[in-house]
């Protein structure tokens, strides 16, 4: 199935909130998922895998514990919390590259790197074992295959785009991943009450015709 990017963004936002993240990170996740899909990557599948990991239950353990050295934690880092921190610390890349330790779903860090590139007005390069990506904030160029988990990631303010991905206006997520997002999204819907059912469709329990 093909979906408009607006629909992807809305579903991703509700799904992330339904998985336990606060609305602020849910909004960031939605924008990030949309950005990945616009680059031709399956952002829905990336987000679905991340939500299934259940990091929201103890998010403070899955964010960088020390911002003065390599960003890492005792457990895999969540790319949403880590990405939000990257956006806040974008200026650090002006003086030195940033090293990030064990990171889950590293593809999800790419949209945050793109935001950093826009903030700095320069290309940003992301490198891990067997993979490299460059973004100027709007476009993306990748070499290699991003793993489910990156043992170490390096981000630096440098690089250039020679063959960026063509941008897309619609997304075609894996059906299984889309189903996962909808499952989490449904957790944000208020359960029906007798009053809502009565006011919902048609005349309900009364007929004044």
Protein backbone atom coordinates (compact mmCIF):
# COMPACT_ATOMS: atom_id res chain seq x y z
CA UNK A 1 0.00 0.00 0.00
CA UNK A 2 1.04 3.57 -0.67
CA UNK A 3 0.47 6.31 1.89
CA UNK A 4 0.78 10.07 1.82
CA UNK A 5 3.62 11.39 3.95
CA UNK A 6 1.11 13.33 6.05
CA UNK A 7 -0.61 10.05 6.93
CA UNK A 8 2.70 8.42 7.77
CA UNK A 9 3.60 11.32 10.05
CA UNK A 10 0.23 11.27 11.84
CA UNK A 11 0.32 7.50 12.35
CA UNK A 12 3.93 7.58 13.53
CA UNK A 13 3.12 10.28 16.09
CA UNK A 14 0.22 8.36 17.59
CA UNK A 15 2.15 5.09 17.51
CA UNK A 16 5.12 6.56 19.35
CA UNK A 17 2.85 8.07 21.97
CA UNK A 18 0.98 4.79 22.25
CA UNK A 19 4.29 3.02 22.89
CA UNK A 20 4.86 5.21 25.94
CA UNK A 21 6.97 8.14 24.72
CA UNK A 22 5.86 11.65 25.65
CA UNK A 23 4.13 13.80 23.05
CA UNK A 24 7.27 15.87 22.44
CA UNK A 25 9.37 12.88 21.40
CA UNK A 26 6.37 11.44 19.58
CA UNK A 27 6.30 14.54 17.41
CA UNK A 28 10.04 14.29 16.79
CA UNK A 29 9.66 10.60 15.88
CA UNK A 30 6.86 11.44 13.46
CA UNK A 31 8.92 14.07 11.67
CA UNK A 32 11.91 11.73 11.56
CA UNK A 33 9.85 8.86 10.15
CA UNK A 34 8.40 11.14 7.49
CA UNK A 35 11.88 12.41 6.57
CA UNK A 36 13.21 8.87 6.14
CA UNK A 37 10.25 7.94 3.94
CA UNK A 38 10.79 11.07 1.84
CA UNK A 39 14.35 9.85 1.22
CA UNK A 40 13.04 6.49 -0.02
CA UNK A 41 13.84 4.56 3.16
CA UNK A 42 11.23 2.60 5.09
CA UNK A 43 10.96 4.88 8.09
CA UNK A 44 7.84 3.06 9.25
CA UNK A 45 9.76 -0.21 9.55
CA UNK A 46 12.58 1.53 11.45
CA UNK A 47 10.12 3.10 13.89
CA UNK A 48 8.14 -0.12 14.30
CA UNK A 49 11.28 -2.05 15.26
CA UNK A 50 12.26 0.67 17.70
CA UNK A 51 8.86 0.77 19.40
CA UNK A 52 8.85 -3.01 19.77
CA UNK A 53 12.12 -2.72 21.74
CA UNK A 54 10.18 -1.09 24.57
CA UNK A 55 12.73 1.58 25.50
CA UNK A 56 10.03 4.07 26.50
CA UNK A 57 9.41 2.11 29.71
CA UNK A 58 12.81 3.23 31.04
CA UNK A 59 13.94 5.90 28.60
CA UNK A 60 16.38 7.57 31.03
CA UNK A 61 18.55 4.44 30.86
CA UNK A 62 18.63 4.56 27.06
CA UNK A 63 19.97 8.10 26.55
CA UNK A 64 23.60 9.30 26.72
CA UNK A 65 24.80 9.36 30.31
CA UNK A 66 27.78 11.68 29.71
CA UNK A 67 27.83 14.38 27.03
CA UNK A 68 31.48 15.30 27.59
CA UNK A 69 32.92 12.07 26.18
CA UNK A 70 31.60 9.28 23.96
CA UNK A 71 27.82 9.18 24.18
CA UNK A 72 26.86 5.82 25.60
CA UNK A 73 24.90 4.01 28.29
CA UNK A 74 24.98 0.63 29.99
CA UNK A 75 22.24 -0.50 27.58
CA UNK A 76 21.57 0.30 23.89
CA UNK A 77 20.82 3.94 23.23
CA UNK A 78 17.42 4.96 21.91
CA UNK A 79 17.85 7.01 18.71
CA UNK A 80 14.89 9.25 19.60
CA UNK A 81 16.27 10.41 22.93
CA UNK A 82 19.80 10.47 21.52
CA UNK A 83 18.68 12.31 18.40
CA UNK A 84 16.89 14.97 20.42
CA UNK A 85 20.08 15.46 22.43
CA UNK A 86 22.08 15.72 19.21
CA UNK A 87 19.81 18.52 18.02
CA UNK A 88 20.37 20.37 21.29
CA UNK A 89 24.15 19.90 21.10
CA UNK A 90 24.62 20.60 17.38
CA UNK A 91 27.20 23.32 18.04
CA UNK A 92 29.58 20.72 19.50
CA UNK A 93 30.20 19.36 16.01
CA UNK A 94 31.89 22.63 15.05
CA UNK A 95 34.88 21.77 17.22
CA UNK A 96 35.08 17.96 17.07
CA UNK A 97 33.32 14.85 15.75
CA UNK A 98 30.84 13.11 18.01
CA UNK A 99 31.20 9.43 18.90
CA UNK A 100 28.09 7.50 19.93
CA UNK A 101 28.25 4.09 21.55
CA UNK A 102 25.88 1.16 21.10
CA UNK A 103 22.87 2.63 19.27
CA UNK A 104 19.65 0.87 18.37
CA UNK A 105 18.08 1.48 14.95
CA UNK A 106 20.79 3.91 13.76
CA UNK A 107 18.75 4.83 10.67
CA UNK A 108 16.53 6.86 13.01
CA UNK A 109 19.48 9.11 13.90
CA UNK A 110 19.77 10.29 10.27
CA UNK A 111 16.84 12.76 10.39
CA UNK A 112 18.32 14.32 13.53
CA UNK A 113 21.67 14.59 11.77
CA UNK A 114 19.82 16.34 8.95
CA UNK A 115 18.36 18.81 11.44
CA UNK A 116 21.87 19.39 12.77
CA UNK A 117 23.09 20.04 9.23
CA UNK A 118 20.41 22.68 8.76
CA UNK A 119 21.31 24.30 12.06
CA UNK A 120 25.02 24.43 11.17
CA UNK A 121 24.56 25.27 7.50
CA UNK A 122 26.88 22.47 6.40
CA UNK A 123 26.82 18.81 5.43
CA UNK A 124 26.95 16.23 8.21
CA UNK A 125 28.50 12.79 7.76
CA UNK A 126 27.48 9.73 9.76
CA UNK A 127 29.79 6.70 9.76
CA UNK A 128 29.51 3.25 11.33
CA UNK A 129 31.00 -0.12 10.49
CA UNK A 130 30.24 -0.78 6.82
CA UNK A 131 28.02 2.27 6.42
CA UNK A 132 28.30 5.97 5.63
CA UNK A 133 25.67 8.65 5.11
CA UNK A 134 25.89 12.31 4.20
CA UNK A 135 23.10 14.86 4.49
CA UNK A 136 22.84 18.58 3.91
CA UNK A 137 19.60 18.70 5.84
CA UNK A 138 17.29 18.24 2.87
CA UNK A 139 18.86 15.40 0.88
CA UNK A 140 20.55 12.14 1.85
CA UNK A 141 23.23 9.96 0.31
CA UNK A 142 24.08 6.52 1.76
CA UNK A 143 26.65 3.83 1.12
CA UNK A 144 26.35 0.38 2.65
CA UNK A 145 23.56 -1.06 4.76
CA UNK A 146 22.58 0.24 8.17
CA UNK A 147 22.46 -2.52 10.79
CA UNK A 148 19.73 -3.00 13.38
CA UNK A 149 22.26 -1.89 15.98
CA UNK A 150 25.46 0.10 15.54
CA UNK A 151 28.27 -0.68 17.97
CA UNK A 152 29.77 2.74 17.34
CA UNK A 153 28.69 5.72 15.29
CA UNK A 154 30.71 8.82 14.41
CA UNK A 155 29.06 12.08 13.37
CA UNK A 156 31.03 15.03 12.02
CA UNK A 157 30.29 18.34 10.35
CA UNK A 158 31.85 17.59 6.96
CA UNK A 159 31.22 15.90 3.63
CA UNK A 160 29.52 16.58 0.33
CA UNK A 161 26.63 15.17 -1.68
CA UNK A 162 27.48 13.73 -5.08
CA UNK A 163 24.59 11.31 -5.65
CA UNK A 164 21.71 12.00 -3.24
CA UNK A 165 18.59 9.85 -3.15
CA UNK A 166 15.64 11.17 -5.16
CA UNK A 167 12.97 12.48 -2.81
CA UNK A 168 9.57 10.82 -2.57
CA UNK A 169 6.12 12.23 -1.94
CA UNK A 170 4.56 8.94 -0.81
CA UNK A 171 5.65 5.99 1.29
CA UNK A 172 5.24 2.26 0.78
CA UNK A 173 5.93 0.72 4.21
CA UNK A 174 6.11 -2.98 4.86
CA UNK A 175 2.64 -4.23 5.74
CA UNK A 176 3.84 -5.85 8.96
CA UNK A 177 5.55 -2.64 10.08
CA UNK A 178 2.49 -0.55 9.25
CA UNK A 179 0.35 -2.94 11.29
CA UNK A 180 2.69 -2.52 14.27
CA UNK A 181 2.39 1.27 14.08
CA UNK A 182 -1.39 1.07 13.92
CA UNK A 183 -1.46 -1.31 16.89
CA UNK A 184 0.41 1.20 19.02
CA UNK A 185 -1.54 4.13 17.58
CA UNK A 186 -4.84 2.54 18.69
CA UNK A 187 -3.65 2.72 22.29
CA UNK A 188 -4.09 6.50 22.12
CA UNK A 189 -7.76 6.30 21.19
CA UNK A 190 -10.24 6.81 23.99
CA UNK A 191 -12.49 3.79 24.56
CA UNK A 192 -16.08 4.20 23.49
CA UNK A 193 -18.58 5.07 26.20
CA UNK A 194 -22.33 4.63 26.21
CA UNK A 195 -22.71 8.38 25.65
CA UNK A 196 -20.22 8.49 22.76
CA UNK A 197 -21.97 5.57 21.11
CA UNK A 198 -25.34 7.29 21.58
CA UNK A 199 -24.05 10.53 20.06
CA UNK A 200 -22.03 8.83 17.36
CA UNK A 201 -24.06 7.53 14.48
CA UNK A 202 -27.68 8.06 13.45
CA UNK A 203 -30.46 8.57 15.96
CA UNK A 204 -28.93 6.25 18.53
CA UNK A 205 -31.41 5.16 21.18
CA UNK A 206 -34.03 7.75 20.32
CA UNK A 207 -35.90 8.50 17.11
CA UNK A 208 -37.48 11.91 16.80
CA UNK A 209 -38.61 11.49 13.19
